[in-house]
N, C-alpha and C. Protein backbone atom coordinates (compact mmCIF):
# COMPACT_ATOMS: atom_id res chain seq x y z
N MET A 1 12.02 -21.61 -50.78
CA MET A 1 11.86 -20.27 -50.38
C MET A 1 11.11 -20.17 -49.00
N LYS A 2 10.00 -20.71 -49.09
CA LYS A 2 9.00 -20.62 -48.12
C LYS A 2 9.64 -21.14 -46.59
N LYS A 3 10.32 -22.32 -46.85
CA LYS A 3 10.97 -23.00 -45.48
C LYS A 3 11.97 -21.95 -44.89
N PHE A 4 12.45 -21.47 -45.87
CA PHE A 4 13.86 -20.56 -45.32
C PHE A 4 13.07 -19.47 -44.62
N ALA A 5 12.11 -19.02 -45.46
CA ALA A 5 11.57 -17.46 -44.55
C ALA A 5 10.66 -18.06 -43.28
N ALA A 6 10.23 -19.23 -43.12
CA ALA A 6 9.48 -19.72 -42.03
C ALA A 6 10.68 -19.77 -40.99
N THR A 7 11.89 -20.63 -41.06
CA THR A 7 12.96 -20.90 -40.20
C THR A 7 13.48 -19.59 -39.77
N THR A 8 13.74 -18.68 -40.66
CA THR A 8 14.24 -17.39 -40.24
C THR A 8 13.27 -16.64 -39.32
N SER A 9 11.94 -16.75 -39.70
CA SER A 9 10.84 -16.08 -38.76
C SER A 9 10.88 -16.58 -37.44
N ILE A 10 10.95 -17.81 -37.53
CA ILE A 10 11.01 -18.71 -36.12
C ILE A 10 12.14 -18.43 -35.44
N LEU A 11 13.38 -18.33 -35.82
CA LEU A 11 14.57 -18.01 -35.12
C LEU A 11 14.66 -16.60 -34.69
N THR A 12 14.11 -15.59 -35.43
CA THR A 12 13.92 -14.15 -34.94
C THR A 12 12.87 -14.09 -33.92
N LEU A 13 12.09 -14.78 -33.84
CA LEU A 13 11.03 -14.76 -33.02
C LEU A 13 11.58 -15.36 -31.48
N ALA A 14 12.24 -16.38 -31.66
CA ALA A 14 13.11 -17.08 -30.42
C ALA A 14 14.01 -16.27 -29.96
N THR A 15 14.73 -15.61 -30.67
CA THR A 15 15.94 -14.55 -30.23
C THR A 15 15.16 -13.52 -29.40
N LEU A 16 14.11 -12.93 -30.03
CA LEU A 16 13.38 -11.68 -29.48
C LEU A 16 12.76 -12.15 -28.17
N LEU A 17 12.27 -13.31 -28.01
CA LEU A 17 11.64 -13.76 -26.73
C LEU A 17 12.51 -14.06 -25.95
N SER A 18 13.78 -14.59 -26.04
CA SER A 18 14.78 -15.13 -25.25
C SER A 18 15.29 -13.53 -24.37
N ALA A 19 15.24 -12.42 -25.25
CA ALA A 19 15.84 -11.17 -24.74
C ALA A 19 14.84 -10.45 -23.78
N LEU A 20 13.70 -10.68 -23.95
CA LEU A 20 12.73 -10.10 -23.05
C LEU A 20 13.09 -9.93 -21.54
N PRO A 21 13.26 -11.13 -20.94
CA PRO A 21 13.77 -11.21 -19.59
C PRO A 21 14.88 -10.33 -19.18
N ILE A 22 15.78 -10.33 -20.23
CA ILE A 22 17.03 -9.39 -20.07
C ILE A 22 16.69 -7.83 -20.13
N LEU A 23 15.94 -7.40 -20.97
CA LEU A 23 15.30 -6.04 -21.19
C LEU A 23 14.24 -5.85 -20.21
N ALA A 24 13.68 -6.63 -19.30
CA ALA A 24 12.80 -6.40 -18.20
C ALA A 24 13.80 -5.99 -16.96
N ALA A 25 14.62 -6.93 -16.83
CA ALA A 25 15.70 -6.54 -15.74
C ALA A 25 16.57 -5.70 -15.85
N ALA A 26 16.64 -5.06 -16.87
CA ALA A 26 17.56 -3.85 -16.99
C ALA A 26 16.68 -2.73 -16.83
N SER A 27 15.29 -2.58 -16.97
CA SER A 27 14.53 -1.50 -16.64
C SER A 27 13.71 -1.53 -15.55
N CYS A 28 14.19 -2.57 -14.48
CA CYS A 28 13.59 -2.92 -13.22
C CYS A 28 14.12 -1.70 -12.25
N PRO A 29 13.51 -0.92 -11.27
CA PRO A 29 14.09 0.17 -10.66
C PRO A 29 14.90 -0.51 -9.57
N VAL A 30 14.63 -1.61 -8.95
CA VAL A 30 15.42 -2.45 -8.08
C VAL A 30 15.69 -3.72 -8.24
N SER A 31 17.17 -3.75 -7.84
CA SER A 31 17.80 -5.06 -8.39
C SER A 31 17.39 -6.14 -7.68
N PHE A 32 17.57 -7.56 -7.96
CA PHE A 32 17.33 -8.50 -7.21
C PHE A 32 17.85 -8.67 -5.70
N GLY A 33 18.97 -8.26 -5.69
CA GLY A 33 19.48 -8.30 -4.24
C GLY A 33 18.88 -7.45 -3.33
N GLU A 34 18.43 -6.05 -3.71
CA GLU A 34 17.91 -5.27 -2.94
C GLU A 34 16.42 -5.45 -2.91
N TYR A 35 15.61 -6.28 -3.69
CA TYR A 35 14.43 -6.55 -3.45
C TYR A 35 14.32 -7.62 -2.41
N ASP A 36 15.34 -8.72 -2.40
CA ASP A 36 15.22 -9.75 -1.52
C ASP A 36 15.46 -9.09 0.01
N LYS A 37 16.23 -8.04 -0.10
CA LYS A 37 16.53 -7.40 1.41
C LYS A 37 15.25 -6.79 1.97
N LEU A 38 14.76 -6.10 0.73
CA LEU A 38 13.47 -5.39 1.18
C LEU A 38 12.32 -6.45 1.60
N ILE A 39 12.13 -7.45 0.82
CA ILE A 39 11.24 -8.46 1.26
C ILE A 39 11.52 -8.95 2.80
N GLN A 40 12.67 -9.17 3.11
CA GLN A 40 13.16 -9.99 4.17
C GLN A 40 12.98 -8.78 5.49
N SER A 41 13.16 -7.47 5.08
CA SER A 41 12.92 -6.51 6.29
C SER A 41 11.48 -6.35 6.56
N ASN A 42 10.67 -6.74 5.80
CA ASN A 42 9.17 -6.82 5.99
C ASN A 42 8.63 -8.20 6.43
N MET A 43 9.46 -9.30 6.79
CA MET A 43 9.04 -10.30 7.06
C MET A 43 9.23 -10.56 8.40
N LYS A 44 8.22 -11.51 9.25
CA LYS A 44 8.45 -11.74 10.39
C LYS A 44 9.41 -12.78 10.73
N ASP A 45 9.84 -12.91 11.83
CA ASP A 45 11.04 -13.81 12.29
C ASP A 45 10.28 -14.81 12.97
N GLN A 46 9.62 -16.04 12.49
CA GLN A 46 9.22 -17.13 13.14
C GLN A 46 9.88 -17.69 14.26
N CYS A 47 11.07 -17.85 14.16
CA CYS A 47 11.71 -18.48 15.38
C CYS A 47 11.71 -17.63 16.34
N LEU A 48 11.85 -16.32 16.34
CA LEU A 48 11.62 -15.34 17.64
C LEU A 48 10.36 -15.14 18.08
N ILE A 49 9.28 -15.34 17.24
CA ILE A 49 7.99 -15.20 17.73
C ILE A 49 7.36 -16.36 18.65
N VAL A 50 7.69 -17.45 18.23
CA VAL A 50 7.37 -18.57 19.24
C VAL A 50 8.37 -19.05 20.39
N ALA A 51 9.45 -18.14 20.44
CA ALA A 51 10.32 -18.28 21.37
C ALA A 51 11.17 -19.74 21.38
N LYS A 52 11.53 -20.12 20.26
CA LYS A 52 12.16 -21.62 20.32
C LYS A 52 13.45 -21.44 19.44
N ASN A 53 14.27 -22.28 19.43
CA ASN A 53 15.62 -22.30 18.69
C ASN A 53 15.21 -23.17 17.50
N CYS A 54 15.51 -22.54 16.40
CA CYS A 54 15.39 -23.25 15.09
C CYS A 54 16.54 -23.97 14.76
N ALA A 55 16.47 -24.91 14.05
CA ALA A 55 17.58 -25.95 14.10
C ALA A 55 18.76 -25.17 13.20
N THR A 56 18.40 -24.48 12.32
CA THR A 56 19.33 -23.40 11.42
C THR A 56 19.92 -22.55 12.07
N GLU A 57 19.39 -21.95 13.42
CA GLU A 57 19.57 -20.99 14.15
C GLU A 57 20.67 -21.25 15.13
N THR A 58 21.72 -20.68 15.09
CA THR A 58 22.85 -20.90 16.03
C THR A 58 23.46 -19.32 16.66
N ASP A 59 22.52 -18.48 17.16
CA ASP A 59 22.79 -17.30 17.57
C ASP A 59 23.39 -17.36 19.11
N THR A 60 24.34 -16.41 19.38
CA THR A 60 24.59 -15.99 20.75
C THR A 60 23.47 -15.26 21.23
N VAL A 61 23.82 -15.06 22.81
CA VAL A 61 22.71 -14.29 23.47
C VAL A 61 22.65 -12.83 22.68
N GLN A 62 23.75 -12.32 22.70
CA GLN A 62 23.89 -11.11 22.10
C GLN A 62 23.41 -10.93 20.78
N GLN A 63 23.61 -11.95 19.71
CA GLN A 63 22.92 -11.78 18.41
C GLN A 63 21.42 -11.91 18.76
N ARG A 64 20.91 -12.77 19.64
CA ARG A 64 19.23 -12.94 19.64
C ARG A 64 18.86 -11.63 20.34
N VAL A 65 19.60 -10.93 21.20
CA VAL A 65 19.11 -9.73 21.66
C VAL A 65 18.91 -8.71 20.60
N ASN A 66 19.99 -8.51 19.56
CA ASN A 66 19.99 -7.67 18.54
C ASN A 66 18.90 -8.14 17.54
N ALA A 67 18.71 -9.40 17.36
CA ALA A 67 17.72 -9.85 16.53
C ALA A 67 16.28 -9.36 17.12
N LEU A 68 15.99 -9.43 18.47
CA LEU A 68 14.80 -9.15 19.00
C LEU A 68 14.57 -7.73 18.85
N ARG A 69 15.78 -6.75 19.04
CA ARG A 69 15.50 -5.45 18.89
C ARG A 69 15.22 -4.87 17.62
N ILE A 70 15.79 -5.68 16.46
CA ILE A 70 15.34 -5.45 15.22
C ILE A 70 13.99 -5.69 14.97
N GLU A 71 13.44 -6.76 15.31
CA GLU A 71 12.12 -7.29 15.03
C GLU A 71 11.16 -6.26 15.77
N ILE A 72 11.61 -6.00 17.14
CA ILE A 72 10.57 -5.11 17.93
C ILE A 72 10.54 -3.75 17.10
N ALA A 73 11.66 -3.27 16.43
CA ALA A 73 11.64 -1.89 15.91
C ALA A 73 10.63 -1.79 14.64
N LYS A 74 10.26 -2.94 13.83
CA LYS A 74 9.69 -3.07 12.90
C LYS A 74 8.12 -2.76 13.22
N GLY A 75 7.67 -3.02 14.44
CA GLY A 75 6.45 -2.47 14.93
C GLY A 75 5.29 -2.93 14.63
N ASN A 76 4.30 -2.25 14.43
CA ASN A 76 3.07 -2.85 13.98
C ASN A 76 2.83 -2.85 12.39
N TYR A 77 3.92 -2.40 11.61
CA TYR A 77 3.85 -2.59 10.09
C TYR A 77 3.98 -4.19 9.95
N VAL A 78 4.83 -4.80 10.88
CA VAL A 78 4.82 -6.03 10.38
C VAL A 78 4.21 -7.25 11.48
N TYR A 79 4.26 -6.86 12.74
CA TYR A 79 3.77 -7.83 13.76
C TYR A 79 2.52 -7.30 14.38
N SER A 80 1.69 -8.17 14.88
CA SER A 80 0.55 -7.62 15.63
C SER A 80 0.95 -7.42 16.97
N ASN A 81 0.15 -6.81 17.72
CA ASN A 81 0.38 -6.31 19.21
C ASN A 81 0.66 -7.48 20.07
N ASP A 82 0.05 -8.52 19.73
CA ASP A 82 0.41 -9.81 20.61
C ASP A 82 1.83 -10.33 20.46
N GLU A 83 2.14 -10.03 19.16
CA GLU A 83 3.55 -10.75 18.79
C GLU A 83 4.60 -9.74 19.11
N LEU A 84 4.24 -8.42 19.09
CA LEU A 84 5.18 -7.39 19.76
C LEU A 84 5.29 -7.78 21.11
N LYS A 85 4.31 -7.83 21.84
CA LYS A 85 4.25 -8.11 23.33
C LYS A 85 5.14 -9.54 23.69
N ALA A 86 5.03 -10.36 22.72
CA ALA A 86 5.78 -11.63 22.98
C ALA A 86 7.27 -11.63 22.88
N LEU A 87 7.56 -10.50 21.72
CA LEU A 87 9.04 -10.21 21.70
C LEU A 87 9.47 -9.55 22.59
N ARG A 88 8.94 -8.68 23.10
CA ARG A 88 9.26 -7.57 24.24
C ARG A 88 9.50 -8.57 25.46
N GLU A 89 8.54 -9.48 25.77
CA GLU A 89 8.84 -10.22 26.83
C GLU A 89 10.05 -11.02 26.95
N GLN A 90 10.25 -11.58 25.67
CA GLN A 90 11.56 -12.33 25.46
C GLN A 90 12.65 -11.56 25.74
N LEU A 91 12.64 -10.23 25.40
CA LEU A 91 13.88 -9.33 25.38
C LEU A 91 13.88 -9.15 26.93
N ARG A 92 12.85 -8.81 27.63
CA ARG A 92 13.01 -8.61 29.16
C ARG A 92 13.54 -9.83 29.82
N TRP A 93 13.05 -10.95 29.38
CA TRP A 93 13.45 -12.30 30.22
C TRP A 93 15.05 -12.42 29.87
N ILE A 94 15.34 -12.12 28.75
CA ILE A 94 16.71 -12.55 28.44
C ILE A 94 17.82 -11.47 29.25
N GLN A 95 17.24 -10.26 29.49
CA GLN A 95 17.92 -9.21 30.35
C GLN A 95 17.87 -9.41 31.63
N ALA A 96 16.69 -9.82 32.17
CA ALA A 96 16.61 -10.13 33.63
C ALA A 96 17.43 -11.37 34.10
N ASP A 97 17.70 -12.51 33.07
CA ASP A 97 18.50 -13.68 33.28
C ASP A 97 19.79 -13.28 33.00
N SER A 98 20.42 -12.23 32.51
CA SER A 98 21.70 -12.11 32.04
C SER A 98 22.69 -11.85 33.37
N GLY A 99 21.96 -11.49 34.40
CA GLY A 99 22.71 -11.15 35.66
C GLY A 99 23.35 -9.87 35.40
N ASN A 100 22.44 -8.94 35.19
CA ASN A 100 23.03 -7.33 35.17
C ASN A 100 24.00 -7.15 34.06
N GLN A 101 24.33 -7.89 33.27
CA GLN A 101 25.38 -7.55 32.14
C GLN A 101 24.79 -6.72 31.16
N ILE A 102 25.73 -5.85 30.61
CA ILE A 102 25.25 -4.92 29.60
C ILE A 102 25.10 -5.78 28.25
N ILE A 103 23.71 -5.79 27.80
CA ILE A 103 23.15 -6.44 26.67
C ILE A 103 22.70 -5.39 25.70
């Protein structure tokens, strides 16, 4: 009888502990997808800051201009003044090099 009670107690405890992550996720105010977007919106884009083409980045000029504008819009909340200056300089360089095309 003691063995049955011990086994039942262990199985009950294991079941309750396995349900904790599910209960915690259900009560979380932000879903994991939204949390990932929130984290990414507050992160620096290192490829744009150092003005290099990362191996995984295959942006067109228009996509790079849009990315620069998005990163500049984050402002001092994410970037330092020097980093913002570098991003603005890249945007000016692309616009000057574009041959007066609308970018």
